């Protein structure tokens, strides 16, 4: 197994992680900004206020995008397993 193959596998893994986690991270950032603006406007400085909206939003994103996330991860693992013969030889 050459160094180029290892780098390609790592690059594909990182790209897959970024694609799969992007929807949850983006929604979390948007909800965090909205709650922060709300806290600033109302002068409520409760740290736990941000937890529930983020949790509910991330659960909704998992329900909406979960099938796509699972398919993306499955495609990566299938491609990795199918390429084992080229990595070994």
PDB file of N, CA and C in Angstrom:
ATOM      1  N   UNK A   1       0.859  -1.172   0.000  1.00  0.00           N
ATOM      2  CA  UNK A   1       0.000   0.000   0.000  1.00  0.00           C
ATOM      3  C   UNK A   1       0.905   1.235   0.000  1.00  0.00           C
ATOM      4  N   UNK A   2       0.716   2.075  -0.963  1.00  0.00           N
ATOM      5  CA  UNK A   2       1.575   3.251  -1.092  1.00  0.00           C
ATOM      6  C   UNK A   2       1.047   4.413  -0.243  1.00  0.00           C
ATOM      7  N   UNK A   3       1.905   5.391  -0.092  1.00  0.00           N
ATOM      8  CA  UNK A   3       1.523   6.576   0.678  1.00  0.00           C
ATOM      9  C   UNK A   3       0.407   7.344  -0.025  1.00  0.00           C
ATOM     10  N   UNK A   4       0.402   7.325  -1.343  1.00  0.00           N
ATOM     11  CA  UNK A   4      -0.653   8.011  -2.106  1.00  0.00           C
ATOM     12  C   UNK A   4      -2.019   7.395  -1.842  1.00  0.00           C
ATOM     13  N   UNK A   5      -2.062   6.072  -1.740  1.00  0.00           N
ATOM     14  CA  UNK A   5      -3.330   5.401  -1.458  1.00  0.00           C
ATOM     15  C   UNK A   5      -3.833   5.744  -0.057  1.00  0.00           C
ATOM     16  N   UNK A   6      -2.928   5.794   0.898  1.00  0.00           N
ATOM     17  CA  UNK A   6      -3.307   6.149   2.270  1.00  0.00           C
ATOM     18  C   UNK A   6      -3.854   7.575   2.313  1.00  0.00           C
ATOM     19  N   UNK A   7      -3.188   8.481   1.608  1.00  0.00           N
ATOM     20  CA  UNK A   7      -3.644   9.873   1.562  1.00  0.00           C
ATOM     21  C   UNK A   7      -5.003   9.971   0.882  1.00  0.00           C
ATOM     22  N   UNK A   8      -5.212   9.197  -0.181  1.00  0.00           N
ATOM     23  CA  UNK A   8      -6.515   9.209  -0.859  1.00  0.00           C
ATOM     24  C   UNK A   8      -7.625   8.694   0.049  1.00  0.00           C
ATOM     25  N   UNK A   9      -7.348   7.627   0.789  1.00  0.00           N
ATOM     26  CA  UNK A   9      -8.349   7.085   1.719  1.00  0.00           C
ATOM     27  C   UNK A   9      -8.672   8.115   2.796  1.00  0.00           C
ATOM     28  N   UNK A  10      -7.638   8.747   3.347  1.00  0.00           N
ATOM     29  CA  UNK A  10      -7.850   9.759   4.390  1.00  0.00           C
ATOM     30  C   UNK A  10      -8.612  10.954   3.835  1.00  0.00           C
ATOM     31  N   UNK A  11      -8.280  11.373   2.612  1.00  0.00           N
ATOM     32  CA  UNK A  11      -8.972  12.510   1.991  1.00  0.00           C
ATOM     33  C   UNK A  11     -10.440  12.183   1.778  1.00  0.00           C
ATOM     34  N   UNK A  12     -10.728  10.978   1.287  1.00  0.00           N
ATOM     35  CA  UNK A  12     -12.123  10.573   1.076  1.00  0.00           C
ATOM     36  C   UNK A  12     -12.875  10.493   2.404  1.00  0.00           C
ATOM     37  N   UNK A  13     -12.212   9.998   3.444  1.00  0.00           N
ATOM     38  CA  UNK A  13     -12.857   9.897   4.758  1.00  0.00           C
ATOM     39  C   UNK A  13     -13.181  11.281   5.316  1.00  0.00           C
ATOM     40  N   UNK A  14     -12.239  12.193   5.216  1.00  0.00           N
ATOM     41  CA  UNK A  14     -12.472  13.544   5.726  1.00  0.00           C
ATOM     42  C   UNK A  14     -13.580  14.234   4.944  1.00  0.00           C
ATOM     43  N   UNK A  15     -13.574  14.080   3.618  1.00  0.00           N
ATOM     44  CA  UNK A  15     -14.615  14.694   2.796  1.00  0.00           C
ATOM     45  C   UNK A  15     -15.991  14.117   3.143  1.00  0.00           C
ATOM     46  N   UNK A  16     -16.062  12.815   3.373  1.00  0.00           N
ATOM     47  CA  UNK A  16     -17.331  12.183   3.746  1.00  0.00           C
ATOM     48  C   UNK A  16     -17.809  12.701   5.096  1.00  0.00           C
ATOM     49  N   UNK A  17     -16.901  12.850   6.049  1.00  0.00           N
ATOM     50  CA  UNK A  17     -17.265  13.375   7.364  1.00  0.00           C
ATOM     51  C   UNK A  17     -17.804  14.793   7.243  1.00  0.00           C
ATOM     52  N   UNK A  18     -17.159  15.616   6.426  1.00  0.00           N
ATOM     53  CA  UNK A  18     -17.602  16.997   6.242  1.00  0.00           C
ATOM     54  C   UNK A  18     -18.991  17.032   5.613  1.00  0.00           C
ATOM     55  N   UNK A  19     -19.210  16.209   4.574  1.00  0.00           N
ATOM     56  CA  UNK A  19     -20.522  16.187   3.910  1.00  0.00           C
ATOM     57  C   UNK A  19     -21.621  15.748   4.858  1.00  0.00           C
ATOM     58  N   UNK A  20     -21.351  14.726   5.652  1.00  0.00           N
ATOM     59  CA  UNK A  20     -22.393  14.169   6.525  1.00  0.00           C
ATOM     60  C   UNK A  20     -22.683  15.089   7.708  1.00  0.00           C
ATOM     61  N   UNK A  21     -21.676  15.744   8.239  1.00  0.00           N
ATOM     62  CA  UNK A  21     -21.893  16.576   9.421  1.00  0.00           C
ATOM     63  C   UNK A  21     -22.329  18.001   9.092  1.00  0.00           C
ATOM     64  N   UNK A  22     -22.185  18.433   7.847  1.00  0.00           N
ATOM     65  CA  UNK A  22     -22.490  19.822   7.477  1.00  0.00           C
ATOM     66  C   UNK A  22     -23.925  20.249   7.800  1.00  0.00           C
ATOM     67  N   UNK A  23     -24.950  19.465   7.478  1.00  0.00           N
ATOM     68  CA  UNK A  23     -26.313  19.937   7.794  1.00  0.00           C
ATOM     69  C   UNK A  23     -26.529  20.180   9.286  1.00  0.00           C
ATOM     70  N   UNK A  24     -26.033  19.277  10.131  1.00  0.00           N
ATOM     71  CA  UNK A  24     -26.217  19.446  11.573  1.00  0.00           C
ATOM     72  C   UNK A  24     -25.433  20.646  12.094  1.00  0.00           C
ATOM     73  N   UNK A  25     -24.221  20.830  11.604  1.00  0.00           N
ATOM     74  CA  UNK A  25     -23.411  21.955  12.061  1.00  0.00           C
ATOM     75  C   UNK A  25     -23.999  23.293  11.630  1.00  0.00           C
ATOM     76  N   UNK A  26     -24.468  23.366  10.396  1.00  0.00           N
ATOM     77  CA  UNK A  26     -25.048  24.617   9.911  1.00  0.00           C
ATOM     78  C   UNK A  26     -26.313  24.988  10.684  1.00  0.00           C
ATOM     79  N   UNK A  27     -27.172  24.016  10.916  1.00  0.00           N
ATOM     80  CA  UNK A  27     -28.398  24.287  11.682  1.00  0.00           C
ATOM     81  C   UNK A  27     -28.049  24.681  13.109  1.00  0.00           C
ATOM     82  N   UNK A  28     -27.066  24.029  13.687  1.00  0.00           N
ATOM     83  CA  UNK A  28     -26.651  24.360  15.045  1.00  0.00           C
ATOM     84  C   UNK A  28     -26.117  25.790  15.133  1.00  0.00           C
ATOM     85  N   UNK A  29     -25.348  26.202  14.128  1.00  0.00           N
ATOM     86  CA  UNK A  29     -24.824  27.571  14.113  1.00  0.00           C
ATOM     87  C   UNK A  29     -25.956  28.585  13.972  1.00  0.00           C
ATOM     88  N   UNK A  30     -26.896  28.319  13.075  1.00  0.00           N
ATOM     89  CA  UNK A  30     -28.006  29.248  12.860  1.00  0.00           C
ATOM     90  C   UNK A  30     -28.866  29.360  14.112  1.00  0.00           C
ATOM     91  N   UNK A  31     -29.198  28.238  14.722  1.00  0.00           N
ATOM     92  CA  UNK A  31     -30.004  28.261  15.950  1.00  0.00           C
ATOM     93  C   UNK A  31     -29.241  28.973  17.063  1.00  0.00           C
ATOM     94  N   UNK A  32     -27.947  28.738  17.158  1.00  0.00           N
ATOM     95  CA  UNK A  32     -27.140  29.416  18.172  1.00  0.00           C
ATOM     96  C   UNK A  32     -27.144  30.923  17.992  1.00  0.00           C
ATOM     97  N   UNK A  33     -27.033  31.377  16.743  1.00  0.00           N
ATOM     98  CA  UNK A  33     -27.069  32.816  16.486  1.00  0.00           C
ATOM     99  C   UNK A  33     -28.430  33.417  16.823  1.00  0.00           C
ATOM    100  N   UNK A  34     -29.489  32.722  16.456  1.00  0.00           N
ATOM    101  CA  UNK A  34     -30.843  33.222  16.750  1.00  0.00           C
ATOM    102  C   UNK A  34     -31.068  33.317  18.257  1.00  0.00           C
ATOM    103  N   UNK A  35     -30.676  32.281  18.988  1.00  0.00           N
ATOM    104  CA  UNK A  35     -30.866  32.301  20.439  1.00  0.00           C
ATOM    105  C   UNK A  35     -29.975  33.360  21.073  1.00  0.00           C
ATOM    106  N   UNK A  36     -28.777  33.541  20.564  1.00  0.00           N
ATOM    107  CA  UNK A  36     -27.886  34.575  21.104  1.00  0.00           C
ATOM    108  C   UNK A  36     -28.463  35.972  20.908  1.00  0.00           C
ATOM    109  N   UNK A  37     -29.027  36.216  19.729  1.00  0.00           N
ATOM    110  CA  UNK A  37     -29.663  37.513  19.483  1.00  0.00           C
ATOM    111  C   UNK A  37     -30.857  37.693  20.413  1.00  0.00           C
ATOM    112  N   UNK A  38     -31.648  36.638  20.587  1.00  0.00           N
ATOM    113  CA  UNK A  38     -32.792  36.700  21.506  1.00  0.00           C
ATOM    114  C   UNK A  38     -32.329  36.993  22.927  1.00  0.00           C
ATOM    115  N   UNK A  39     -31.252  36.333  23.371  1.00  0.00           N
ATOM    116  CA  UNK A  39     -30.740  36.572  24.716  1.00  0.00           C
ATOM    117  C   UNK A  39     -30.218  37.999  24.868  1.00  0.00           C
ATOM    118  N   UNK A  40     -29.599  38.519  23.833  1.00  0.00           N
ATOM    119  CA  UNK A  40     -29.084  39.887  23.895  1.00  0.00           C
ATOM    120  C   UNK A  40     -30.214  40.899  23.953  1.00  0.00           C
ATOM    121  N   UNK A  41     -31.243  40.669  23.156  1.00  0.00           N
ATOM    122  CA  UNK A  41     -32.377  41.603  23.127  1.00  0.00           C
ATOM    123  C   UNK A  41     -33.126  41.599  24.452  1.00  0.00           C
ATOM    124  N   UNK A  42     -33.343  40.423  25.017  1.00  0.00           N
ATOM    125  CA  UNK A  42     -34.146  40.322  26.240  1.00  0.00           C
ATOM    126  C   UNK A  42     -33.315  40.378  27.518  1.00  0.00           C
ATOM    127  N   UNK A  43     -32.013  40.440  27.415  1.00  0.00           N
ATOM    128  CA  UNK A  43     -31.091  40.462  28.561  1.00  0.00           C
ATOM    129  C   UNK A  43     -31.213  39.217  29.431  1.00  0.00           C
ATOM    130  N   UNK A  44     -31.622  38.114  28.841  1.00  0.00           N
ATOM    131  CA  UNK A  44     -31.649  36.831  29.546  1.00  0.00           C
ATOM    132  C   UNK A  44     -30.293  36.165  29.304  1.00  0.00           C
ATOM    133  N   UNK A  45     -29.553  35.930  30.364  1.00  0.00           N
ATOM    134  CA  UNK A  45     -28.222  35.342  30.212  1.00  0.00           C
ATOM    135  C   UNK A  45     -28.185  33.930  30.814  1.00  0.00           C
ATOM    136  N   UNK A  46     -29.114  33.131  30.437  1.00  0.00           N
ATOM    137  CA  UNK A  46     -29.180  31.750  30.901  1.00  0.00           C
ATOM    138  C   UNK A  46     -28.443  30.868  29.903  1.00  0.00           C
ATOM    139  N   UNK A  47     -27.423  30.151  30.357  1.00  0.00           N
ATOM    140  CA  UNK A  47     -26.601  29.340  29.462  1.00  0.00           C
ATOM    141  C   UNK A  47     -27.333  28.102  28.953  1.00  0.00           C
ATOM    142  N   UNK A  48     -28.266  27.586  29.735  1.00  0.00           N
ATOM    143  CA  UNK A  48     -28.968  26.372  29.332  1.00  0.00           C
ATOM    144  C   UNK A  48     -30.092  26.639  28.340  1.00  0.00           C
ATOM    145  N   UNK A  49     -30.419  27.899  28.091  1.00  0.00           N
ATOM    146  CA  UNK A  49     -31.495  28.242  27.171  1.00  0.00           C
ATOM    147  C   UNK A  49     -31.187  27.783  25.745  1.00  0.00           C
ATOM    148  N   UNK A  50     -29.924  27.719  25.396  1.00  0.00           N
ATOM    149  CA  UNK A  50     -29.528  27.371  24.043  1.00  0.00           C
ATOM    150  C   UNK A  50     -29.628  25.867  23.784  1.00  0.00           C
ATOM    151  N   UNK A  51     -29.604  25.053  24.829  1.00  0.00           N
ATOM    152  CA  UNK A  51     -29.541  23.606  24.662  1.00  0.00           C
ATOM    153  C   UNK A  51     -30.784  23.027  23.996  1.00  0.00           C
ATOM    154  N   UNK A  52     -31.949  23.358  24.479  1.00  0.00           N
ATOM    155  CA  UNK A  52     -33.190  22.739  23.979  1.00  0.00           C
ATOM    156  C   UNK A  52     -33.466  23.066  22.509  1.00  0.00           C
ATOM    157  N   UNK A  53     -33.391  24.319  22.068  1.00  0.00           N
ATOM    158  CA  UNK A  53     -33.635  24.584  20.643  1.00  0.00           C
ATOM    159  C   UNK A  53     -32.620  23.890  19.721  1.00  0.00           C
ATOM    160  N   UNK A  54     -31.352  23.876  20.135  1.00  0.00           N
ATOM    161  CA  UNK A  54     -30.346  23.192  19.318  1.00  0.00           C
ATOM    162  C   UNK A  54     -30.619  21.695  19.255  1.00  0.00           C
ATOM    163  N   UNK A  55     -30.955  21.121  20.398  1.00  0.00           N
ATOM    164  CA  UNK A  55     -31.241  19.684  20.439  1.00  0.00           C
ATOM    165  C   UNK A  55     -32.415  19.331  19.533  1.00  0.00           C
ATOM    166  N   UNK A  56     -33.491  20.095  19.623  1.00  0.00           N
ATOM    167  CA  UNK A  56     -34.664  19.825  18.791  1.00  0.00           C
ATOM    168  C   UNK A  56     -34.368  20.025  17.306  1.00  0.00           C
ATOM    169  N   UNK A  57     -33.601  21.057  16.980  1.00  0.00           N
ATOM    170  CA  UNK A  57     -33.256  21.313  15.580  1.00  0.00           C
ATOM    171  C   UNK A  57     -32.366  20.214  15.019  1.00  0.00           C
ATOM    172  N   UNK A  58     -31.413  19.753  15.791  1.00  0.00           N
ATOM    173  CA  UNK A  58     -30.532  18.686  15.311  1.00  0.00           C
ATOM    174  C   UNK A  58     -31.305  17.379  15.167  1.00  0.00           C
ATOM    175  N   UNK A  59     -32.217  17.102  16.079  1.00  0.00           N
ATOM    176  CA  UNK A  59     -33.049  15.898  15.938  1.00  0.00           C
ATOM    177  C   UNK A  59     -33.909  15.985  14.675  1.00  0.00           C
ATOM    178  N   UNK A  60     -34.436  17.159  14.380  1.00  0.00           N
ATOM    179  CA  UNK A  60     -35.232  17.340  13.161  1.00  0.00           C
ATOM    180  C   UNK A  60     -34.370  17.132  11.917  1.00  0.00           C
ATOM    181  N   UNK A  61     -33.152  17.640  11.932  1.00  0.00           N
ATOM    182  CA  UNK A  61     -32.251  17.465  10.786  1.00  0.00           C
ATOM    183  C   UNK A  61     -31.896  15.992  10.616  1.00  0.00           C
ATOM    184  N   UNK A  62     -31.692  15.286  11.714  1.00  0.00           N
ATOM    185  CA  UNK A  62     -31.397  13.850  11.604  1.00  0.00           C
ATOM    186  C   UNK A  62     -32.593  13.111  11.017  1.00  0.00           C
ATOM    187  N   UNK A  63     -33.803  13.497  11.406  1.00  0.00           N
ATOM    188  CA  UNK A  63     -34.987  12.866  10.828  1.00  0.00           C
ATOM    189  C   UNK A  63     -35.127  13.175   9.337  1.00  0.00           C
ATOM    190  N   UNK A  64     -34.807  14.412   8.960  1.00  0.00           N
ATOM    191  CA  UNK A  64     -34.957  14.818   7.564  1.00  0.00           C
ATOM    192  C   UNK A  64     -33.827  14.268   6.694  1.00  0.00           C
ATOM    193  N   UNK A  65     -32.591  14.389   7.170  1.00  0.00           N
ATOM    194  CA  UNK A  65     -31.421  14.029   6.348  1.00  0.00           C
ATOM    195  C   UNK A  65     -30.795  12.696   6.730  1.00  0.00           C
ATOM    196  N   UNK A  66     -31.365  11.991   7.685  1.00  0.00           N
ATOM    197  CA  UNK A  66     -30.759  10.745   8.167  1.00  0.00           C
ATOM    198  C   UNK A  66     -30.575   9.703   7.088  1.00  0.00           C
ATOM    199  N   UNK A  67     -31.554   9.572   6.210  1.00  0.00           N
ATOM    200  CA  UNK A  67     -31.459   8.595   5.135  1.00  0.00           C
ATOM    201  C   UNK A  67     -30.297   8.926   4.205  1.00  0.00           C
ATOM    202  N   UNK A  68     -30.177  10.198   3.847  1.00  0.00           N
ATOM    203  CA  UNK A  68     -29.074  10.629   2.991  1.00  0.00           C
ATOM    204  C   UNK A  68     -27.723  10.414   3.679  1.00  0.00           C
ATOM    205  N   UNK A  69     -27.650  10.736   4.988  1.00  0.00           N
ATOM    206  CA  UNK A  69     -26.405  10.547   5.733  1.00  0.00           C
ATOM    207  C   UNK A  69     -25.991   9.083   5.755  1.00  0.00           C
ATOM    208  N   UNK A  70     -26.947   8.215   6.032  1.00  0.00           N
ATOM    209  CA  UNK A  70     -26.663   6.786   6.081  1.00  0.00           C
ATOM    210  C   UNK A  70     -26.242   6.263   4.716  1.00  0.00           C
ATOM    211  N   UNK A  71     -26.907   6.709   3.655  1.00  0.00           N
ATOM    212  CA  UNK A  71     -26.529   6.285   2.310  1.00  0.00           C
ATOM    213  C   UNK A  71     -25.134   6.756   1.934  1.00  0.00           C
ATOM    214  N   UNK A  72     -24.787   7.985   2.305  1.00  0.00           N
ATOM    215  CA  UNK A  72     -23.455   8.523   2.014  1.00  0.00           C
ATOM    216  C   UNK A  72     -22.375   7.717   2.730  1.00  0.00           C
ATOM    217  N   UNK A  73     -22.597   7.424   3.999  1.00  0.00           N
ATOM    218  CA  UNK A  73     -21.624   6.626   4.752  1.00  0.00           C
ATOM    219  C   UNK A  73     -21.532   5.199   4.215  1.00  0.00           C
ATOM    220  N   UNK A  74     -22.672   4.631   3.844  1.00  0.00           N
ATOM    221  CA  UNK A  74     -22.677   3.271   3.296  1.00  0.00           C
ATOM    222  C   UNK A  74     -21.933   3.208   1.963  1.00  0.00           C
ATOM    223  N   UNK A  75     -22.116   4.219   1.124  1.00  0.00           N
ATOM    224  CA  UNK A  75     -21.403   4.253  -0.151  1.00  0.00           C
ATOM    225  C   UNK A  75     -19.894   4.341   0.068  1.00  0.00           C
ATOM    226  N   UNK A  76     -19.470   5.138   1.033  1.00  0.00           N
ATOM    227  CA  UNK A  76     -18.039   5.261   1.312  1.00  0.00           C
ATOM    228  C   UNK A  76     -17.466   3.931   1.793  1.00  0.00           C
ATOM    229  N   UNK A  77     -18.142   3.288   2.742  1.00  0.00           N
ATOM    230  CA  UNK A  77     -17.647   2.030   3.284  1.00  0.00           C
ATOM    231  C   UNK A  77     -17.659   0.945   2.216  1.00  0.00           C
ATOM    232  N   UNK A  78     -18.699   0.905   1.386  1.00  0.00           N
ATOM    233  CA  UNK A  78     -18.760  -0.082   0.302  1.00  0.00           C
ATOM    234  C   UNK A  78     -17.618   0.131  -0.677  1.00  0.00           C
ATOM    235  N   UNK A  79     -17.361   1.380  -1.034  1.00  0.00           N
ATOM    236  CA  UNK A  79     -16.246   1.673  -1.942  1.00  0.00           C
ATOM    237  C   UNK A  79     -14.912   1.284  -1.315  1.00  0.00           C
ATOM    238  N   UNK A  80     -14.759   1.535  -0.019  1.00  0.00           N
ATOM    239  CA  UNK A  80     -13.534   1.183   0.685  1.00  0.00           C
ATOM    240  C   UNK A  80     -13.344  -0.332   0.719  1.00  0.00           C
ATOM    241  N   UNK A  81     -14.405  -1.073   1.038  1.00  0.00           N
ATOM    242  CA  UNK A  81     -14.308  -2.533   1.086  1.00  0.00           C
ATOM    243  C   UNK A  81     -14.067  -3.135  -0.290  1.00  0.00           C
ATOM    244  N   UNK A  82     -14.689  -2.573  -1.322  1.00  0.00           N
ATOM    245  CA  UNK A  82     -14.490  -3.089  -2.675  1.00  0.00           C
ATOM    246  C   UNK A  82     -13.081  -2.828  -3.189  1.00  0.00           C
ATOM    247  N   UNK A  83     -12.387  -1.870  -2.613  1.00  0.00           N
ATOM    248  CA  UNK A  83     -11.044  -1.525  -3.069  1.00  0.00           C
ATOM    249  C   UNK A  83      -9.943  -2.203  -2.244  1.00  0.00           C
ATOM    250  N   UNK A  84     -10.323  -3.100  -1.338  1.00  0.00           N
ATOM    251  CA  UNK A  84      -9.306  -3.761  -0.521  1.00  0.00           C
ATOM    252  C   UNK A  84      -8.279  -4.524  -1.345  1.00  0.00           C
ATOM    253  N   UNK A  85      -8.708  -5.129  -2.436  1.00  0.00           N
ATOM    254  CA  UNK A  85      -7.773  -5.910  -3.253  1.00  0.00           C
ATOM    255  C   UNK A  85      -6.668  -5.024  -3.840  1.00  0.00           C
ATOM    256  N   UNK A  86      -6.991  -3.801  -4.181  1.00  0.00           N
ATOM    257  CA  UNK A  86      -5.971  -2.893  -4.710  1.00  0.00           C
ATOM    258  C   UNK A  86      -5.062  -2.378  -3.603  1.00  0.00           C
ATOM    259  N   UNK A  87      -5.571  -2.282  -2.375  1.00  0.00           N
ATOM    260  CA  UNK A  87      -4.755  -1.799  -1.271  1.00  0.00           C
ATOM    261  C   UNK A  87      -3.778  -2.868  -0.792  1.00  0.00           C
ATOM    262  N   UNK A  88      -4.183  -4.115  -0.843  1.00  0.00           N
ATOM    263  CA  UNK A  88      -3.344  -5.205  -0.352  1.00  0.00           C
ATOM    264  C   UNK A  88      -2.224  -5.521  -1.336  1.00  0.00           C
ATOM    265  N   UNK A  89      -2.587  -5.569  -2.603  1.00  0.00           N
ATOM    266  CA  UNK A  89      -1.625  -6.005  -3.636  1.00  0.00           C
ATOM    267  C   UNK A  89      -0.752  -4.956  -4.050  1.00  0.00           C
TER     268      UNK A  89
END
